[in-house]
C-alpha atoms as a PDB file:
ATOM      1  CA  MET A   1      13.865  42.224 144.558  1.00  0.00           C
ATOM      2  CA  ALA A   2      11.827  42.071 140.898  1.00  0.00           C
ATOM      3  CA  TRP A   3      10.602  38.821 139.279  1.00  0.00           C
ATOM      4  CA  SER A   4       8.695  38.719 136.777  1.00  0.00           C
ATOM      5  CA  THR A   5       5.163  36.380 136.469  1.00  0.00           C
ATOM      6  CA  ARG A   6       7.315  33.089 134.706  1.00  0.00           C
ATOM      7  CA  GLN A   7      10.161  33.876 137.288  1.00  0.00           C
ATOM      8  CA  LEU A   8       7.732  34.330 140.415  1.00  0.00           C
ATOM      9  CA  ALA A   9       6.096  31.110 139.674  1.00  0.00           C
ATOM     10  CA  ASP A  10       9.112  28.994 139.040  1.00  0.00           C
ATOM     11  CA  LEU A  11      10.548  29.600 142.562  1.00  0.00           C
ATOM     12  CA  ALA A  12       7.006  29.169 144.122  1.00  0.00           C
ATOM     13  CA  GLY A  13       6.893  26.065 141.972  1.00  0.00           C
ATOM     14  CA  THR A  14       3.449  26.730 140.267  1.00  0.00           C
ATOM     15  CA  THR A  15       2.357  27.721 136.451  1.00  0.00           C
ATOM     16  CA  VAL A  16       1.859  31.419 135.616  1.00  0.00           C
ATOM     17  CA  ARG A  17      -1.682  30.364 134.603  1.00  0.00           C
ATOM     18  CA  ALA A  18      -2.316  29.504 138.245  1.00  0.00           C
ATOM     19  CA  VAL A  19      -0.677  32.965 139.251  1.00  0.00           C
ATOM     20  CA  ARG A  20      -3.067  35.280 137.108  1.00  0.00           C
ATOM     21  CA  HIS A  21      -6.403  32.857 138.438  1.00  0.00           C
ATOM     22  CA  TYR A  22      -4.515  33.805 142.171  1.00  0.00           C
ATOM     23  CA  HIS A  23      -4.486  37.297 141.181  1.00  0.00           C
ATOM     24  CA  HIS A  24      -8.445  37.246 139.455  1.00  0.00           C
ATOM     25  CA  VAL A  25     -10.066  35.787 142.964  1.00  0.00           C
ATOM     26  CA  GLY A  26      -8.030  38.553 144.743  1.00  0.00           C
ATOM     27  CA  LEU A  27      -5.449  36.011 146.719  1.00  0.00           C
ATOM     28  CA  LEU A  28      -2.605  37.724 145.500  1.00  0.00           C
ATOM     29  CA  ALA A  29      -2.431  41.704 145.399  1.00  0.00           C
ATOM     30  CA  GLU A  30      -1.420  42.663 141.817  1.00  0.00           C
ATOM     31  CA  PRO A  31       2.173  43.858 141.674  1.00  0.00           C
ATOM     32  CA  VAL A  32       3.479  47.464 140.484  1.00  0.00           C
ATOM     33  CA  ARG A  33       4.258  47.678 136.989  1.00  0.00           C
ATOM     34  CA  GLN A  34       7.874  49.055 135.387  1.00  0.00           C
ATOM     35  CA  SER A  35       7.535  52.115 133.146  1.00  0.00           C
ATOM     36  CA  ASN A  36       7.999  49.621 130.003  1.00  0.00           C
ATOM     37  CA  GLY A  37       4.072  47.755 131.904  1.00  0.00           C
ATOM     38  CA  TYR A  38       6.174  44.611 132.781  1.00  0.00           C
ATOM     39  CA  LYS A  39       4.893  43.526 135.856  1.00  0.00           C
ATOM     40  CA  GLN A  40       7.152  43.208 139.554  1.00  0.00           C
ATOM     41  CA  TYR A  41       7.205  40.819 142.008  1.00  0.00           C
ATOM     42  CA  GLY A  42       8.411  40.755 145.189  1.00  0.00           C
ATOM     43  CA  VAL A  43       9.390  39.170 148.388  1.00  0.00           C
ATOM     44  CA  ASP A  44       6.414  39.344 149.806  1.00  0.00           C
ATOM     45  CA  HIS A  45       4.416  38.105 146.504  1.00  0.00           C
ATOM     46  CA  LEU A  46       7.075  35.249 147.067  1.00  0.00           C
ATOM     47  CA  LEU A  47       5.894  34.028 150.505  1.00  0.00           C
ATOM     48  CA  ARG A  48       1.867  34.873 149.643  1.00  0.00           C
ATOM     49  CA  LEU A  49       2.193  32.405 146.694  1.00  0.00           C
ATOM     50  CA  VAL A  50       4.092  29.896 148.974  1.00  0.00           C
ATOM     51  CA  ARG A  51       1.296  30.060 151.332  1.00  0.00           C
ATOM     52  CA  ILE A  52      -1.536  29.954 148.656  1.00  0.00           C
ATOM     53  CA  LYS A  53       0.507  27.096 147.156  1.00  0.00           C
ATOM     54  CA  ARG A  54       1.120  25.073 150.175  1.00  0.00           C
ATOM     55  CA  LEU A  55      -2.276  24.978 151.927  1.00  0.00           C
ATOM     56  CA  SER A  56      -4.055  24.246 148.551  1.00  0.00           C
ATOM     57  CA  GLU A  57      -1.660  21.245 148.938  1.00  0.00           C
ATOM     58  CA  LEU A  58      -3.293  20.678 152.608  1.00  0.00           C
ATOM     59  CA  GLY A  59      -6.384  20.180 150.983  1.00  0.00           C
ATOM     60  CA  PHE A  60      -8.131  23.880 151.782  1.00  0.00           C
ATOM     61  CA  SER A  61      -9.784  25.229 149.202  1.00  0.00           C
ATOM     62  CA  LEU A  62      -9.450  28.752 147.845  1.00  0.00           C
ATOM     63  CA  GLN A  63     -12.291  30.572 149.440  1.00  0.00           C
ATOM     64  CA  GLN A  64     -11.090  29.219 152.681  1.00  0.00           C
ATOM     65  CA  ILE A  65      -7.554  30.579 152.139  1.00  0.00           C
ATOM     66  CA  ALA A  66      -8.677  33.446 151.536  1.00  0.00           C
ATOM     67  CA  GLU A  67     -10.720  33.666 154.756  1.00  0.00           C
ATOM     68  CA  MET A  68      -7.603  32.758 156.401  1.00  0.00           C
ATOM     69  CA  GLY A  69      -6.399  36.121 155.389  1.00  0.00           C
ATOM     70  CA  GLU A  70      -2.783  37.141 155.887  1.00  0.00           C
ATOM     71  CA  LEU A  71      -2.365  34.640 158.486  1.00  0.00           C
ATOM     72  CA  GLU A  72       1.150  32.759 158.299  1.00  0.00           C
ATOM     73  CA  THR A  73       0.272  30.038 160.729  1.00  0.00           C
ATOM     74  CA  LEU A  74      -3.074  27.897 160.845  1.00  0.00           C
ATOM     75  CA  THR A  75      -5.606  28.281 163.756  1.00  0.00           C
ATOM     76  CA  ALA A  76      -6.764  25.247 165.801  1.00  0.00           C
ATOM     77  CA  ASP A  77     -10.246  25.166 164.080  1.00  0.00           C
ATOM     78  CA  ALA A  78      -8.953  25.101 160.477  1.00  0.00           C
ATOM     79  CA  VAL A  79      -7.049  22.447 160.819  1.00  0.00           C
ATOM     80  CA  GLN A  80      -9.987  20.384 162.561  1.00  0.00           C
ATOM     81  CA  ALA A  81     -12.624  21.728 160.228  1.00  0.00           C
ATOM     82  CA  LEU A  82     -10.307  20.005 157.538  1.00  0.00           C
ATOM     83  CA  ASP A  83      -8.862  16.605 159.277  1.00  0.00           C
ATOM     84  CA  ALA A  84     -12.542  16.378 159.543  1.00  0.00           C
ATOM     85  CA  GLU A  85     -13.023  16.925 155.959  1.00  0.00           C
ATOM     86  CA  LEU A  86     -10.217  14.814 154.837  1.00  0.00           C
ATOM     87  CA  ALA A  87     -11.565  11.889 157.348  1.00  0.00           C
ATOM     88  CA  GLU A  88     -14.882  11.832 155.536  1.00  0.00           C
ATOM     89  CA  SER A  89     -13.231  11.679 152.067  1.00  0.00           C
ATOM     90  CA  ILE A  90     -11.276   9.123 153.146  1.00  0.00           C
ATOM     91  CA  ASP A  91     -14.266   7.148 154.413  1.00  0.00           C
ATOM     92  CA  ARG A  92     -16.278   7.750 151.294  1.00  0.00           C
ATOM     93  CA  MET A  93     -13.036   6.927 149.178  1.00  0.00           C
ATOM     94  CA  GLN A  94     -12.738   3.232 150.923  1.00  0.00           C
ATOM     95  CA  GLN A  95     -16.397   3.112 150.128  1.00  0.00           C
ATOM     96  CA  ILE A  96     -16.090   3.453 146.596  1.00  0.00           C
ATOM     97  CA  ARG A  97     -13.088   0.829 146.754  1.00  0.00           C
ATOM     98  CA  ASP A  98     -15.232  -1.352 148.082  1.00  0.00           C
ATOM     99  CA  GLU A  99     -18.300  -0.804 145.354  1.00  0.00           C
ATOM    100  CA  LEU A 100     -15.467  -1.121 143.077  1.00  0.00           C
ATOM    101  CA  ALA A 101     -14.165  -5.005 144.817  1.00  0.00           C
ATOM    102  CA  ALA A 102     -18.070  -6.204 144.662  1.00  0.00           C
ATOM    103  CA  LEU A 103     -18.320  -5.062 141.301  1.00  0.00           C
ATOM    104  CA  GLN A 104     -15.776  -6.817 140.036  1.00  0.00           C
ATOM    105  CA  GLU A 105     -15.640 -10.120 141.945  1.00  0.00           C
ATOM    106  CA  GLU A 106     -19.580 -10.850 141.530  1.00  0.00           C
ATOM    107  CA  ALA A 107     -20.601  -8.780 138.552  1.00  0.00           C
ATOM    108  CA  LEU A 108     -22.783  -6.519 140.593  1.00  0.00           C
ATOM    109  CA  PRO A 109     -25.014  -4.397 138.130  1.00  0.00           C
ATOM    110  CA  THR A 110     -23.848  -1.048 137.909  1.00  0.00           C
ATOM    111  CA  ASP A 111     -27.588   0.540 137.557  1.00  0.00           C
ATOM    112  CA  LEU A 112     -28.859   0.126 141.307  1.00  0.00           C
ATOM    113  CA  PRO A 113     -27.574   1.227 144.390  1.00  0.00           C
ATOM    114  CA  PRO A 114     -24.891  -0.724 145.982  1.00  0.00           C
ATOM    115  CA  GLU A 115     -27.756  -1.873 149.102  1.00  0.00           C
ATOM    116  CA  LEU A 116     -29.520  -3.589 146.067  1.00  0.00           C
ATOM    117  CA  ALA A 117     -27.046  -4.477 143.812  1.00  0.00           C
ATOM    118  CA  GLY A 118     -25.921  -8.073 145.505  1.00  0.00           C
ATOM    119  CA  LEU A 119     -29.869  -8.979 146.105  1.00  0.00           C
ATOM    120  CA  ALA A 120     -30.967  -8.403 142.884  1.00  0.00           C
ATOM    121  CA  GLY A 121     -29.668 -11.557 141.063  1.00  0.00           C
ATOM    122  CA  ASP A 122     -32.680 -13.323 140.990  1.00  0.00           C
ATOM    123  CA  LEU A 123     -34.967 -10.167 139.113  1.00  0.00           C
ATOM    124  CA  SER A 124     -35.956 -10.253 135.924  1.00  0.00           C
ATOM    125  CA  ASP A 125     -34.524  -7.282 133.736  1.00  0.00           C
ATOM    126  CA  ALA A 126     -37.610  -5.725 133.581  1.00  0.00           C
ATOM    127  CA  ASP A 127     -38.132  -6.036 137.627  1.00  0.00           C
ATOM    128  CA  ARG A 128     -34.464  -4.737 138.229  1.00  0.00           C
ATOM    129  CA  SER A 129     -35.179  -1.563 136.040  1.00  0.00           C
ATOM    130  CA  LEU A 130     -38.404  -0.956 137.957  1.00  0.00           C
ATOM    131  CA  VAL A 131     -36.473  -1.177 141.096  1.00  0.00           C
ATOM    132  CA  VAL A 132     -33.848   1.111 140.045  1.00  0.00           C
ATOM    133  CA  VAL A 133     -36.621   3.771 138.947  1.00  0.00           C
ATOM    134  CA  ALA A 134     -38.452   3.188 142.124  1.00  0.00           C
ATOM    135  CA  THR A 135     -35.446   3.653 144.211  1.00  0.00           C
ATOM    136  CA  ARG A 136     -34.613   7.032 142.561  1.00  0.00           C
ATOM    137  CA  LEU A 137     -38.389   8.498 143.055  1.00  0.00           C
ATOM    138  CA  LEU A 138     -38.791   7.485 146.737  1.00  0.00           C
ATOM    139  CA  GLY A 139     -34.895   8.515 147.242  1.00  0.00           C
ATOM    140  CA  PRO A 140     -32.356   6.897 150.376  1.00  0.00           C
ATOM    141  CA  SER A 141     -36.018   6.011 152.196  1.00  0.00           C
ATOM    142  CA  GLY A 142     -36.838   4.060 149.706  1.00  0.00           C
ATOM    143  CA  VAL A 143     -33.183   1.971 148.877  1.00  0.00           C
ATOM    144  CA  ASP A 144     -33.708   0.813 152.298  1.00  0.00           C
ATOM    145  CA  ALA A 145     -37.074  -0.379 152.079  1.00  0.00           C
ATOM    146  CA  TYR A 146     -36.236  -2.003 148.509  1.00  0.00           C
ATOM    147  CA  ALA A 147     -33.271  -3.634 150.227  1.00  0.00           C
ATOM    148  CA  GLU A 148     -35.513  -4.931 153.134  1.00  0.00           C
ATOM    149  CA  MET A 149     -38.188  -6.469 150.253  1.00  0.00           C
ATOM    150  CA  LEU A 150     -35.552  -8.145 148.647  1.00  0.00           C
ATOM    151  CA  ARG A 151     -34.311  -9.716 151.139  1.00  0.00           C
ATOM    152  CA  TYR A 152     -37.651 -11.242 151.801  1.00  0.00           C
ATOM    153  CA  ALA A 153     -38.489 -12.312 148.484  1.00  0.00           C
ATOM    154  CA  ALA A 154     -35.001 -14.489 148.499  1.00  0.00           C
ATOM    155  CA  ARG A 155     -36.105 -15.817 151.940  1.00  0.00           C
ATOM    156  CA  GLN A 156     -39.159 -17.510 150.336  1.00  0.00           C
ATOM    157  CA  ASP A 157     -39.927 -20.486 148.526  1.00  0.00           C
ATOM    158  CA  PRO A 158     -38.933 -20.964 144.867  1.00  0.00           C
ATOM    159  CA  ALA A 159     -41.313 -23.555 144.609  1.00  0.00           C
ATOM    160  CA  THR A 160     -43.843 -21.176 144.896  1.00  0.00           C
ATOM    161  CA  ASP A 161     -42.976 -18.603 143.663  1.00  0.00           C
ATOM    162  CA  PRO A 162     -45.034 -16.908 140.274  1.00  0.00           C
ATOM    163  CA  ALA A 163     -42.932 -14.458 139.196  1.00  0.00           C
ATOM    164  CA  PRO A 164     -41.343 -16.576 136.747  1.00  0.00           C
ATOM    165  CA  ALA A 165     -44.329 -17.414 135.072  1.00  0.00           C
ATOM    166  CA  PHE A 166     -45.257 -13.708 134.925  1.00  0.00           C
ATOM    167  CA  ASP A 167     -41.846 -12.876 133.781  1.00  0.00           C
ATOM    168  CA  ALA A 168     -42.762 -15.534 130.835  1.00  0.00           C
ATOM    169  CA  LEU A 169     -45.608 -14.355 129.917  1.00  0.00           C
ATOM    170  CA  PRO A 170     -46.198 -14.115 126.528  1.00  0.00           C
ATOM    171  CA  ALA A 171     -47.980 -10.893 125.305  1.00  0.00           C
ATOM    172  CA  ASP A 172     -51.022 -12.742 123.506  1.00  0.00           C
ATOM    173  CA  ALA A 173     -51.526 -14.514 126.742  1.00  0.00           C
ATOM    174  CA  ASP A 174     -55.676 -15.447 126.713  1.00  0.00           C
ATOM    175  CA  GLU A 175     -57.875 -14.319 129.452  1.00  0.00           C
ATOM    176  CA  ASP A 176     -57.868 -17.307 131.737  1.00  0.00           C
ATOM    177  CA  ALA A 177     -54.083 -17.239 131.491  1.00  0.00           C
ATOM    178  CA  ARG A 178     -54.152 -14.070 132.783  1.00  0.00           C
ATOM    179  CA  GLN A 179     -56.891 -14.269 135.043  1.00  0.00           C
ATOM    180  CA  GLU A 180     -54.944 -17.575 136.611  1.00  0.00           C
ATOM    181  CA  LEU A 181     -51.972 -15.843 136.690  1.00  0.00           C
ATOM    182  CA  ALA A 182     -53.327 -12.785 139.072  1.00  0.00           C
ATOM    183  CA  GLU A 183     -54.568 -15.445 141.545  1.00  0.00           C
ATOM    184  CA  ARG A 184     -51.542 -17.509 141.701  1.00  0.00           C
ATOM    185  CA  MET A 185     -50.129 -14.013 142.302  1.00  0.00           C
ATOM    186  CA  TYR A 186     -52.131 -12.998 145.414  1.00  0.00           C
ATOM    187  CA  PRO A 187     -51.158 -14.613 147.883  1.00  0.00           C
ATOM    188  CA  SER A 188     -47.485 -14.164 147.498  1.00  0.00           C
ATOM    189  CA  THR A 189     -48.344 -10.422 146.907  1.00  0.00           C
ATOM    190  CA  VAL A 190     -50.342  -9.964 149.792  1.00  0.00           C
ATOM    191  CA  ALA A 191     -47.715 -11.559 152.118  1.00  0.00           C
ATOM    192  CA  LEU A 192     -45.349  -9.541 150.751  1.00  0.00           C
ATOM    193  CA  LEU A 193     -47.200  -6.157 151.528  1.00  0.00           C
ATOM    194  CA  GLN A 194     -47.781  -7.147 154.726  1.00  0.00           C
ATOM    195  CA  ASN A 195     -44.081  -7.831 156.038  1.00  0.00           C
ATOM    196  CA  ASN A 196     -42.725  -4.800 153.798  1.00  0.00           C
ATOM    197  CA  GLN A 197     -44.790  -1.646 154.833  1.00  0.00           C
ATOM    198  CA  SER A 198     -41.593   0.283 154.824  1.00  0.00           C
ATOM    199  CA  VAL A 199     -41.972   0.237 151.179  1.00  0.00           C
ATOM    200  CA  ARG A 200     -45.496   1.918 151.660  1.00  0.00           C
ATOM    201  CA  ARG A 201     -44.032   4.192 154.073  1.00  0.00           C
ATOM    202  CA  ALA A 202     -41.197   5.349 151.481  1.00  0.00           C
ATOM    203  CA  THR A 203     -44.017   5.812 148.697  1.00  0.00           C
ATOM    204  CA  GLU A 204     -46.546   7.955 150.733  1.00  0.00           C
ATOM    205  CA  GLN A 205     -43.055  10.185 152.304  1.00  0.00           C
ATOM    206  CA  ALA A 206     -41.701  10.329 148.351  1.00  0.00           C
ATOM    207  CA  PRO A 207     -39.324  13.504 148.244  1.00  0.00           C
ATOM    208  CA  ARG A 208     -42.153  14.450 145.550  1.00  0.00           C
ATOM    209  CA  GLY A 209     -45.100  12.999 146.580  1.00  0.00           C
ATOM    210  CA  GLU A 210     -46.970   9.406 146.579  1.00  0.00           C
ATOM    211  CA  ARG A 211     -49.148  10.992 143.360  1.00  0.00           C
ATOM    212  CA  TYR A 212     -45.916  11.983 141.448  1.00  0.00           C
ATOM    213  CA  PHE A 213     -43.867   8.148 142.593  1.00  0.00           C
ATOM    214  CA  THR A 214     -47.326   6.382 140.913  1.00  0.00           C
ATOM    215  CA  ARG A 215     -47.624   8.134 138.160  1.00  0.00           C
ATOM    216  CA  ASN A 216     -43.800   7.786 137.137  1.00  0.00           C
ATOM    217  CA  LEU A 217     -44.228   4.501 138.346  1.00  0.00           C
ATOM    218  CA  GLY A 218     -47.297   3.692 136.444  1.00  0.00           C
ATOM    219  CA  GLU A 219     -45.451   5.197 133.130  1.00  0.00           C
ATOM    220  CA  ALA A 220     -42.335   2.964 133.733  1.00  0.00           C
ATOM    221  CA  MET A 221     -44.329  -0.193 134.180  1.00  0.00           C
ATOM    222  CA  ARG A 222     -45.839   0.209 130.773  1.00  0.00           C
ATOM    223  CA  ASP A 223     -41.998   0.549 129.318  1.00  0.00           C
ATOM    224  CA  LEU A 224     -41.315  -2.432 130.985  1.00  0.00           C
ATOM    225  CA  TYR A 225     -43.662  -4.998 130.748  1.00  0.00           C
ATOM    226  CA  ASN A 226     -45.997  -6.451 128.108  1.00  0.00           C
ATOM    227  CA  PRO A 227     -49.452  -5.599 127.391  1.00  0.00           C
ATOM    228  CA  ALA A 228     -50.279  -8.871 129.014  1.00  0.00           C
ATOM    229  CA  GLN A 229     -48.247  -8.427 132.121  1.00  0.00           C
ATOM    230  CA  ARG A 230     -49.653  -5.013 132.677  1.00  0.00           C
ATOM    231  CA  ASP A 231     -53.050  -6.751 132.798  1.00  0.00           C
ATOM    232  CA  VAL A 232     -52.399  -9.466 135.196  1.00  0.00           C
ATOM    233  CA  LEU A 233     -51.018  -6.246 137.173  1.00  0.00           C
ATOM    234  CA  VAL A 234     -54.335  -4.759 137.072  1.00  0.00           C
ATOM    235  CA  ARG A 235     -56.138  -7.683 137.954  1.00  0.00           C
ATOM    236  CA  LEU A 236     -53.727  -8.376 140.519  1.00  0.00           C
ATOM    237  CA  SER A 237     -54.237  -4.900 142.386  1.00  0.00           C
ATOM    238  CA  ARG A 238     -58.123  -5.377 141.606  1.00  0.00           C
ATOM    239  CA  LEU A 239     -57.850  -8.434 143.707  1.00  0.00           C
ATOM    240  CA  LEU A 240     -56.135  -7.008 146.591  1.00  0.00           C
ATOM    241  CA  ASP A 241     -58.778  -3.727 146.468  1.00  0.00           C
ATOM    242  CA  GLU A 242     -61.745  -6.411 146.409  1.00  0.00           C
ATOM    243  CA  ARG A 243     -60.028  -8.959 149.452  1.00  0.00           C
ATOM    244  CA  GLY A 244     -58.925  -6.354 151.461  1.00  0.00           C
ATOM    245  CA  GLY A 245     -55.400  -7.835 151.295  1.00  0.00           C
ATOM    246  CA  ARG A 246     -53.458  -4.372 151.470  1.00  0.00           C
ATOM    247  CA  PRO A 247     -52.417  -3.529 154.870  1.00  0.00           C
END
């Protein structure tokens, strides 16, 4: 037989571009050329191209197909490996569908990891943004730790929660207001730290080190909170050190 590139592609149900790509990556041997320079493909080329197309449709990568060589049938190991990859892909796709359904039904924020999105409803925009930054700096262990902390916070009595006062604190709040708020925040902060020590462990095990985490989180706080709020946090940290409130 003597088929042109276009004819070969049509017979195999693929494109000329795909045929040329398979030549380029070494999956399909180059045919001999006629005296006029045109390529001349035979039955062997068609059979090989049909196999490549079929394996690609089944989900095998071009590298995997290349490793199979000229085998006409699949080995059990190859089938099992691909089946495992497909099962993992299906699980991931189902997880994405579940996340999309939750985002649509509950109008959840898209900047938070799925584990935290449903737990951050009562956070201010600044606090939520800080959690996003923290989890990116801490990695997967940080996501789990912050999820635990948010679940703990949700169980506390809103009547004694100083967070609304902190969120509403104006940038020009006077010294007395700042100190009073730091004092109000101290008991709940101690309880939060003592009951969520996984956050501390995640900080110590941050992928780029605790110092990197602390420095970058501090810079994020400067962007997210006004001067009075940052001063309250400094005063609160000082109280924790002076009174031994850190676990």
